[in-house]
Amino acid sequence: MAHCGSSESSSKVQVPRPDSAMPSQGSVDQSMKPVLFEVFGEIWTVQSRLGQGVSASVYRVSSGRATTAAVKEFQADTQGGDYGYRKERSVLEDIQGHKNIVTLYGVFTNHSCMGVATRCLLLELLDVSVSELLVRGSGGTQGGRPQQGHSMWLVQHCARDILEALAFLHREGYVHADLKPRNILWSADDECFKLIDFGLSFKEGNQDVKYIQTDGYRAPEAEFQNSLAQAGVEVEGDSGCTAAVDLWSLGIILLEMFSGIKLKDTVRSQEWKDNSAAIVDHIFASNSLVCPAIPVYHLRDLIKSMLLNDPKQRCTAETALLSPFFSIPFAPHIEDLVLLPSPVLRLLNLIDDSHLHNEEEYEDILEDMKEECQKYGSVVSLLIPKENPGKGQFPAANTHNSGKRCRDDTSMRSARSL
């Protein structure tokens, strides 16, 4: 069933970047509606449903110009209004332009052939979420021992990106109010993490949302305020929650990434309420043998500063970015490169050590690899490591892609399909 639509004006509309032959993140559910969107006079085909909530569904869509994007389609609320759509649109239009916040391309109304009109946001399409990363785990090793959580490089990368997003958001006067792993996504194009879903966001000092944050990532003051709202006690806007609730949520997320453990039951326990710092210390002590000591201590102290019960004593996003944890350089592990889609082609198990000692043969191999990689886009740089790690095992080429964005072995599967 085709759907038609009409575009609306938006003060901050950007044209989506052409994407490079990205395969679907799942087959199209034939029963889902809509099948098509008409956006700004162009037909966009729904390729898959990326998520579905109470008030909105998110779809992966593509146009005839090989461009991909995401459409967030809002259902009318119980009173038949479009408060959720207007709320998120307003916040997104107000905070556009930061590299660690999802880009809003435009807004439109979708008219189905059944006469039903729904409000939609056309958004930048992102890749894997931190929630998915937590499920997959790193599966790597450090110091020769199994590593339960993710690498320090990945934790640091995520922490810095989201703190920069929060610092910007808080300077603009907004509280995100629903920071959780599902709302942090990796962008393969920009090679950074980005913040999404501003449906519960509000201006600090003017909280117009009664229930905020998700269980497991909810700050103590938000827990208390939610209980008051449930009891029917009105909370004045200027006495609502502050930006400190976002730092609490991020602290839990980083602790989960480091430990590889979901902490929902832990943070709801009485032991956590009595002495959360002791539990954080225990988690870090149990991983101390597989991680370098000094960065671990810095990360531990950073997380503890985010998880103080008193929101006034909690660190801000700007002060958190000054942590010595961010002054330590880390390099990604091979496992990190497998987890995160990127514009890097990796060809595994193609040559052995004997090819690395003959300089003429080595140069010939480089030329062959470059020629092969150019089939997938212009090659910016190419490397075949002569020393460990990865000695001779994976030529890596950074590309500006005009074709497929790939990495892996000779099957050249797309990174976005992993």
Protein backbone atom coordinates (compact mmCIF):
# COMPACT_ATOMS: atom_id res chain seq x y z
CA MET A 1 0.00 0.00 0.00
CA ALA A 2 1.56 3.28 -1.05
CA HIS A 3 1.55 6.27 1.22
CA CYS A 4 1.75 9.85 0.17
CA GLY A 5 2.79 12.84 2.24
CA SER A 6 3.38 16.56 2.30
CA SER A 7 6.45 18.34 3.60
CA GLU A 8 6.43 21.08 6.20
CA SER A 9 8.79 23.98 6.53
CA SER A 10 11.61 23.54 9.01
CA SER A 11 14.07 26.26 9.92
CA LYS A 12 16.99 23.83 10.05
CA VAL A 13 16.58 21.31 7.24
CA GLN A 14 19.70 19.63 5.87
CA VAL A 15 19.92 17.39 2.84
CA PRO A 16 20.95 13.82 3.73
CA ARG A 17 24.37 12.68 2.56
CA PRO A 18 24.33 9.97 -0.10
CA ASP A 19 25.14 6.65 1.50
CA SER A 20 27.15 3.91 -0.08
CA ALA A 21 25.18 0.78 -0.88
CA MET A 22 24.30 -0.01 2.72
CA PRO A 23 22.38 -3.26 3.10
CA SER A 24 19.21 -3.51 5.12
CA GLN A 25 19.46 -4.00 8.86
CA GLY A 26 16.91 -6.78 8.69
CA SER A 27 14.36 -7.81 6.12
CA VAL A 28 11.25 -5.74 5.55
CA ASP A 29 8.28 -6.86 7.58
CA GLN A 30 5.54 -7.19 4.97
CA SER A 31 2.83 -6.49 7.54
CA MET A 32 4.25 -3.20 8.71
CA LYS A 33 2.85 0.12 7.56
CA PRO A 34 3.72 2.41 5.91
CA VAL A 35 5.54 0.98 2.89
CA LEU A 36 6.43 4.32 1.35
CA PHE A 37 6.87 7.92 2.46
CA GLU A 38 6.73 10.94 0.21
CA VAL A 39 9.21 13.43 1.60
CA PHE A 40 9.78 16.81 -0.05
CA GLY A 41 8.31 15.49 -3.30
CA GLU A 42 10.52 12.39 -3.35
CA ILE A 43 9.45 8.80 -2.70
CA TRP A 44 11.31 7.00 0.09
CA THR A 45 10.95 3.22 0.47
CA VAL A 46 10.72 1.66 3.91
CA GLN A 47 13.42 -1.02 4.14
CA SER A 48 13.03 -2.10 7.77
CA ARG A 49 11.59 -1.09 11.09
CA LEU A 50 14.41 -0.10 13.43
CA GLY A 51 12.36 0.35 16.59
CA GLN A 52 8.86 0.72 17.94
CA GLY A 53 7.63 2.44 21.08
CA VAL A 54 4.33 3.47 22.58
CA SER A 55 4.22 6.82 20.81
CA ALA A 56 6.42 6.39 17.73
CA SER A 57 8.03 3.96 15.29
CA VAL A 58 11.39 4.38 13.58
CA TYR A 59 12.05 3.12 10.04
CA ARG A 60 15.09 2.81 7.84
CA VAL A 61 14.23 4.38 4.46
CA SER A 62 16.00 4.88 1.16
CA SER A 63 15.37 7.12 -1.82
CA GLY A 64 15.95 6.58 -5.51
CA ARG A 65 19.23 8.49 -5.20
CA ALA A 66 20.77 5.70 -3.09
CA THR A 67 20.34 7.95 -0.05
CA THR A 68 19.41 6.45 3.30
CA ALA A 69 17.86 8.04 6.36
CA ALA A 70 15.62 7.27 9.32
CA VAL A 71 11.98 8.30 9.69
CA LYS A 72 10.45 8.62 13.14
CA GLU A 73 6.67 8.42 12.74
CA PHE A 74 4.60 9.61 15.71
CA GLN A 75 1.19 8.26 16.61
CA ALA A 76 -1.44 10.68 17.83
CA ASP A 77 -1.55 10.83 21.65
CA THR A 78 -4.57 9.72 23.69
CA GLN A 79 -6.17 13.13 23.29
CA GLY A 80 -5.65 13.02 19.53
CA GLY A 81 -2.87 15.62 19.65
CA ASP A 82 0.74 15.60 18.51
CA TYR A 83 2.51 16.78 21.66
CA GLY A 84 5.29 14.18 21.43
CA TYR A 85 6.11 15.16 17.85
CA ARG A 86 6.04 18.90 18.58
CA LYS A 87 8.18 18.41 21.69
CA GLU A 88 10.94 16.43 20.00
CA ARG A 89 10.90 18.57 16.88
CA SER A 90 11.22 21.74 18.96
CA VAL A 91 14.19 20.42 20.94
CA LEU A 92 16.00 19.01 17.90
CA GLU A 93 15.59 22.20 15.89
CA ASP A 94 16.96 24.18 18.82
CA ILE A 95 20.11 22.09 19.29
CA GLN A 96 21.16 21.22 15.73
CA GLY A 97 24.76 21.48 14.63
CA HIS A 98 26.70 19.45 17.19
CA LYS A 99 28.68 16.50 15.83
CA ASN A 100 27.58 14.21 18.70
CA ILE A 101 23.85 14.86 18.36
CA VAL A 102 21.72 13.19 15.68
CA THR A 103 20.97 15.45 12.71
CA LEU A 104 17.38 16.43 11.90
CA TYR A 105 17.02 16.71 8.12
CA GLY A 106 13.42 17.86 8.07
CA VAL A 107 9.82 17.31 9.13
CA PHE A 108 6.75 16.23 7.17
CA THR A 109 3.20 14.93 7.49
CA ASN A 110 2.48 11.48 6.11
CA HIS A 111 -1.02 10.92 4.66
CA SER A 112 -2.03 7.29 4.31
CA CYS A 113 -4.46 6.09 1.70
CA MET A 114 -6.85 5.38 4.59
CA GLY A 115 -6.96 9.10 5.32
CA VAL A 116 -4.82 8.94 8.47
CA ALA A 117 -2.24 11.70 8.90
CA THR A 118 0.87 11.19 11.03
CA ARG A 119 3.68 13.57 11.92
CA CYS A 120 7.21 12.49 11.00
CA LEU A 121 10.83 13.47 11.52
CA LEU A 122 13.42 12.73 8.83
CA LEU A 123 16.65 11.96 10.68
CA GLU A 124 20.25 10.96 10.10
CA LEU A 125 20.57 7.17 9.93
CA LEU A 126 23.02 5.85 12.51
CA ASP A 127 24.48 2.41 13.11
CA VAL A 128 25.01 0.18 16.13
CA SER A 129 23.75 1.28 19.58
CA VAL A 130 25.62 0.96 22.86
CA SER A 131 22.80 -1.38 23.90
CA GLU A 132 23.79 -3.73 21.07
CA LEU A 133 27.47 -3.37 21.97
CA LEU A 134 26.68 -4.42 25.53
CA VAL A 135 24.90 -7.53 24.27
CA ARG A 136 27.72 -8.47 21.89
CA GLY A 137 30.55 -7.78 24.30
CA SER A 138 34.12 -7.30 23.19
CA GLY A 139 35.15 -10.94 23.39
CA GLY A 140 38.75 -9.74 23.55
CA THR A 141 41.67 -10.11 25.91
CA GLN A 142 43.95 -7.74 27.76
CA GLY A 143 47.15 -8.88 29.41
CA GLY A 144 46.51 -12.41 28.18
CA ARG A 145 43.34 -12.73 30.26
CA PRO A 146 39.70 -12.74 29.09
CA GLN A 147 38.13 -9.31 29.11
CA GLN A 148 34.51 -9.15 30.23
CA GLY A 149 33.74 -5.55 29.34
CA HIS A 150 34.79 -3.34 26.48
CA SER A 151 38.25 -1.93 25.84
CA MET A 152 39.43 1.27 27.47
CA TRP A 153 39.59 2.83 24.00
CA LEU A 154 35.90 2.15 23.39
CA VAL A 155 34.83 3.31 26.86
CA GLN A 156 36.91 6.48 26.53
CA HIS A 157 35.61 7.17 23.01
CA CYS A 158 31.99 6.84 24.11
CA ALA A 159 32.51 8.81 27.32
CA ARG A 160 34.17 11.74 25.56
CA ASP A 161 31.64 11.89 22.71
CA ILE A 162 28.59 11.82 24.97
CA LEU A 163 30.06 14.22 27.53
CA GLU A 164 30.70 16.69 24.70
CA ALA A 165 27.09 16.25 23.56
CA LEU A 166 25.82 16.77 27.12
CA ALA A 167 28.06 19.79 27.71
CA PHE A 168 26.55 21.41 24.60
CA LEU A 169 23.01 20.36 25.50
CA HIS A 170 23.33 21.67 29.06
CA ARG A 171 24.82 24.98 27.87
CA GLU A 172 21.71 25.38 25.74
CA GLY A 173 19.65 24.89 28.91
CA TYR A 174 18.29 21.41 28.14
CA VAL A 175 18.22 18.20 30.14
CA HIS A 176 18.11 15.02 28.01
CA ALA A 177 16.30 13.09 30.77
CA ASP A 178 16.41 9.65 29.11
CA LEU A 179 20.07 8.77 28.65
CA LYS A 180 20.46 5.00 28.23
CA PRO A 181 22.46 2.60 26.01
CA ARG A 182 19.67 2.43 23.43
CA ASN A 183 19.85 6.22 22.95
CA ILE A 184 23.58 6.31 22.16
CA LEU A 185 24.43 5.23 18.61
CA TRP A 186 27.63 4.92 16.61
CA SER A 187 27.96 6.82 13.32
CA ALA A 188 30.14 4.95 10.81
CA ASP A 189 30.28 8.03 8.59
CA ASP A 190 31.53 10.38 11.30
CA GLU A 191 33.23 7.67 13.41
CA CYS A 192 31.78 8.90 16.68
CA PHE A 193 28.94 8.23 19.10
CA LYS A 194 25.80 10.38 18.91
CA LEU A 195 22.90 11.11 21.22
CA ILE A 196 19.32 10.49 20.04
CA ASP A 197 15.71 10.56 21.31
CA PHE A 198 14.81 13.87 22.93
CA GLY A 199 11.18 13.01 23.66
CA LEU A 200 11.58 13.48 27.44
CA SER A 201 13.95 16.46 27.23
CA PHE A 202 13.04 19.73 28.90
CA LYS A 203 14.44 23.14 29.69
CA GLU A 204 16.11 23.14 33.08
CA GLY A 205 13.88 25.00 35.54
CA ASN A 206 10.82 24.32 33.41
CA GLN A 207 10.27 20.57 33.67
CA ASP A 208 7.10 19.75 31.72
CA VAL A 209 7.55 15.96 31.90
CA LYS A 210 6.29 14.17 35.03
CA TYR A 211 8.08 10.85 34.57
CA ILE A 212 11.67 10.97 33.36
CA GLN A 213 14.51 8.51 32.73
CA THR A 214 14.45 4.74 32.32
CA ASP A 215 14.60 2.22 35.13
CA GLY A 216 18.20 1.20 35.75
CA TYR A 217 19.56 4.58 34.60
CA ARG A 218 17.36 6.79 36.78
CA ALA A 219 19.02 9.20 39.22
CA PRO A 220 17.88 9.13 42.88
CA GLU A 221 16.26 12.56 42.65
CA ALA A 222 14.35 11.51 39.52
CA GLU A 223 13.21 8.35 41.31
CA PHE A 224 11.89 10.50 44.16
CA GLN A 225 10.20 12.98 41.87
CA ASN A 226 8.59 10.22 39.79
CA SER A 227 7.15 8.72 42.98
CA LEU A 228 5.67 12.10 43.93
CA ALA A 229 4.09 12.42 40.49
CA GLN A 230 2.66 8.92 40.79
CA ALA A 231 1.15 9.89 44.14
CA GLY A 232 -0.47 12.91 42.53
CA VAL A 233 1.78 15.49 44.21
CA GLU A 234 2.41 18.45 41.95
CA VAL A 235 6.07 19.45 41.55
CA GLU A 236 6.82 23.06 40.72
CA GLY A 237 8.77 23.55 37.50
CA ASP A 238 11.70 25.37 39.12
CA SER A 239 12.10 22.61 41.72
CA GLY A 240 12.36 19.84 39.14
CA CYS A 241 15.35 17.73 38.18
CA THR A 242 18.53 19.29 36.80
CA ALA A 243 21.15 18.38 34.22
CA ALA A 244 22.81 16.29 36.95
CA VAL A 245 20.39 13.42 36.16
CA ASP A 246 22.12 12.98 32.79
CA LEU A 247 25.52 12.55 34.46
CA TRP A 248 24.12 9.83 36.73
CA SER A 249 22.78 7.91 33.72
CA LEU A 250 26.08 8.20 31.86
CA GLY A 251 27.96 6.97 34.94
CA ILE A 252 25.87 3.78 34.96
CA ILE A 253 26.33 3.29 31.20
CA LEU A 254 30.12 3.61 31.44
CA LEU A 255 30.21 1.23 34.39
CA GLU A 256 28.28 -1.32 32.35
CA MET A 257 30.58 -0.88 29.36
CA PHE A 258 33.67 -1.35 31.54
CA SER A 259 32.36 -4.35 33.48
CA GLY A 260 30.29 -6.04 30.78
CA ILE A 261 27.53 -6.45 33.38
CA LYS A 262 23.96 -5.13 33.21
CA LEU A 263 23.46 -3.26 36.47
CA LYS A 264 19.69 -2.78 36.62
CA ASP A 265 19.21 -5.16 39.55
CA THR A 266 22.35 -3.87 41.26
CA VAL A 267 21.31 -0.22 41.26
CA ARG A 268 17.87 -1.16 42.60
CA SER A 269 19.35 -3.09 45.54
CA GLN A 270 19.57 -1.81 49.09
CA GLU A 271 23.33 -2.41 49.07
CA TRP A 272 23.69 0.09 46.23
CA LYS A 273 21.56 2.67 48.01
CA ASP A 274 23.59 2.22 51.21
CA ASN A 275 27.04 2.41 49.63
CA SER A 276 27.23 2.61 45.84
CA ALA A 277 30.87 3.71 45.98
CA ALA A 278 31.88 0.40 47.57
CA ILE A 279 30.16 -1.54 44.78
CA VAL A 280 31.91 0.57 42.14
CA ASP A 281 35.24 -0.11 43.88
CA HIS A 282 34.49 -3.84 43.91
CA ILE A 283 33.66 -3.87 40.18
CA PHE A 284 36.92 -2.12 39.35
CA ALA A 285 38.96 -4.30 41.71
CA SER A 286 37.66 -7.42 39.99
CA ASN A 287 38.88 -6.10 36.61
CA SER A 288 42.16 -4.67 37.87
CA LEU A 289 44.21 -7.64 36.64
CA VAL A 290 43.15 -7.25 33.01
CA CYS A 291 43.42 -3.47 32.64
CA PRO A 292 46.30 -1.00 33.10
CA ALA A 293 46.13 0.39 36.63
CA ILE A 294 46.41 4.15 36.18
CA PRO A 295 43.70 4.54 33.48
CA VAL A 296 41.44 2.24 35.50
CA TYR A 297 41.79 4.42 38.58
CA HIS A 298 41.05 7.54 36.56
CA LEU A 299 37.97 5.95 34.99
CA ARG A 300 36.80 4.68 38.39
CA ASP A 301 37.11 8.15 39.92
CA LEU A 302 35.33 9.73 36.95
CA ILE A 303 32.40 7.32 37.23
CA LYS A 304 32.19 7.77 41.01
CA SER A 305 32.01 11.55 40.52
CA MET A 306 28.96 11.00 38.29
CA LEU A 307 27.24 8.71 40.79
CA LEU A 308 27.16 10.91 43.88
CA ASN A 309 23.71 10.83 45.48
CA ASP A 310 23.63 14.60 45.96
CA PRO A 311 23.05 16.11 42.49
CA LYS A 312 24.73 19.35 43.58
CA GLN A 313 27.97 17.48 44.28
CA ARG A 314 27.90 15.48 41.05
CA CYS A 315 30.37 16.54 38.37
CA THR A 316 29.11 18.47 35.36
CA ALA A 317 29.73 17.39 31.79
CA GLU A 318 32.30 20.15 31.34
CA THR A 319 34.24 19.28 34.48
CA ALA A 320 34.09 15.57 33.62
CA LEU A 321 35.83 16.30 30.30
CA LEU A 322 38.79 17.64 32.32
CA SER A 323 39.34 14.23 33.93
CA PRO A 324 42.89 12.86 33.50
CA PHE A 325 41.23 9.76 32.03
CA PHE A 326 40.89 11.67 28.74
CA SER A 327 44.57 12.61 28.61
CA ILE A 328 45.62 8.96 28.17
CA PRO A 329 45.90 7.81 24.54
CA PHE A 330 44.41 4.41 23.71
CA ALA A 331 44.47 2.48 20.46
CA PRO A 332 41.53 0.36 19.26
CA HIS A 333 41.79 -3.42 19.44
CA ILE A 334 40.88 -5.63 16.50
CA GLU A 335 37.73 -6.54 18.42
CA ASP A 336 36.76 -2.85 18.51
CA LEU A 337 37.12 -2.59 14.75
CA VAL A 338 34.88 -5.62 14.31
CA LEU A 339 32.21 -4.16 16.59
CA LEU A 340 32.09 -0.68 15.07
CA PRO A 341 31.28 -0.11 11.38
CA SER A 342 33.81 2.19 9.74
CA PRO A 343 35.04 3.30 6.30
CA VAL A 344 38.05 1.02 6.68
CA LEU A 345 38.45 -2.07 4.52
CA ARG A 346 40.16 -4.96 6.32
CA LEU A 347 41.31 -8.02 4.40
CA LEU A 348 42.28 -10.87 6.70
CA ASN A 349 44.62 -13.85 6.33
CA LEU A 350 45.91 -12.93 2.87
CA ILE A 351 49.70 -13.05 3.29
CA ASP A 352 52.26 -14.66 5.60
CA ASP A 353 55.50 -13.46 7.17
CA SER A 354 57.66 -14.45 4.19
CA HIS A 355 56.09 -11.72 2.05
CA LEU A 356 57.02 -9.04 4.58
CA HIS A 357 60.79 -9.54 4.40
CA ASN A 358 61.15 -9.02 0.65
CA GLU A 359 60.77 -5.29 0.09
CA GLU A 360 60.06 -5.62 -3.65
CA GLU A 361 57.43 -8.26 -3.05
CA TYR A 362 55.97 -6.16 -0.23
CA GLU A 363 55.57 -3.17 -2.57
CA ASP A 364 53.90 -5.35 -5.21
CA ILE A 365 51.41 -6.59 -2.62
CA LEU A 366 50.66 -3.01 -1.57
CA GLU A 367 49.89 -2.10 -5.19
CA ASP A 368 47.66 -5.15 -5.60
CA MET A 369 45.78 -4.33 -2.40
CA LYS A 370 45.32 -0.72 -3.45
CA GLU A 371 43.95 -1.77 -6.83
CA GLU A 372 41.51 -4.15 -5.15
CA CYS A 373 40.36 -1.63 -2.56
CA GLN A 374 39.81 1.06 -5.20
CA LYS A 375 36.89 -1.02 -6.46
CA TYR A 376 35.06 0.09 -3.32
CA GLY A 377 36.03 3.76 -3.28
CA SER A 378 39.01 6.10 -3.51
CA VAL A 379 41.79 4.96 -1.20
CA VAL A 380 43.02 7.59 1.26
CA SER A 381 45.68 5.43 2.91
CA LEU A 382 46.71 1.78 3.01
CA LEU A 383 48.73 -0.18 5.56
CA ILE A 384 50.04 -3.72 5.88
CA PRO A 385 51.52 -4.05 9.40
CA LYS A 386 55.02 -5.54 9.48
CA GLU A 387 54.99 -5.93 13.24
CA ASN A 388 52.47 -7.18 15.76
CA PRO A 389 49.63 -6.64 16.47
CA GLY A 390 48.14 -7.81 13.21
CA LYS A 391 51.49 -8.62 11.61
CA GLY A 392 50.82 -9.20 7.92
CA GLN A 393 47.30 -10.33 8.64
CA PHE A 394 45.10 -7.45 7.72
CA PRO A 395 45.86 -4.85 5.11
CA ALA A 396 43.74 -1.85 6.10
CA ALA A 397 42.67 0.87 3.69
CA ASN A 398 40.92 4.08 4.69
CA THR A 399 38.58 4.99 1.85
CA HIS A 400 36.21 7.63 0.59
CA ASN A 401 33.58 5.21 -0.60
CA SER A 402 31.61 5.50 -3.79
CA GLY A 403 30.61 1.86 -3.63
CA LYS A 404 30.38 -0.60 -0.76
CA ARG A 405 31.66 0.22 2.70
CA CYS A 406 33.41 -2.99 3.69
CA ARG A 407 35.68 -4.71 6.12
CA ASP A 408 36.32 -8.33 6.99
CA ASP A 409 37.85 -11.16 4.99
CA THR A 410 37.83 -12.04 1.30
CA SER A 411 34.04 -12.23 1.26
CA MET A 412 34.11 -8.40 1.61
CA ARG A 413 30.87 -8.25 3.55
CA SER A 414 29.59 -4.79 4.40
CA ALA A 415 30.47 -3.50 7.85
CA ARG A 416 26.92 -2.38 8.37
CA SER A 417 25.65 -5.93 8.02
CA LEU A 418 27.73 -7.21 10.95
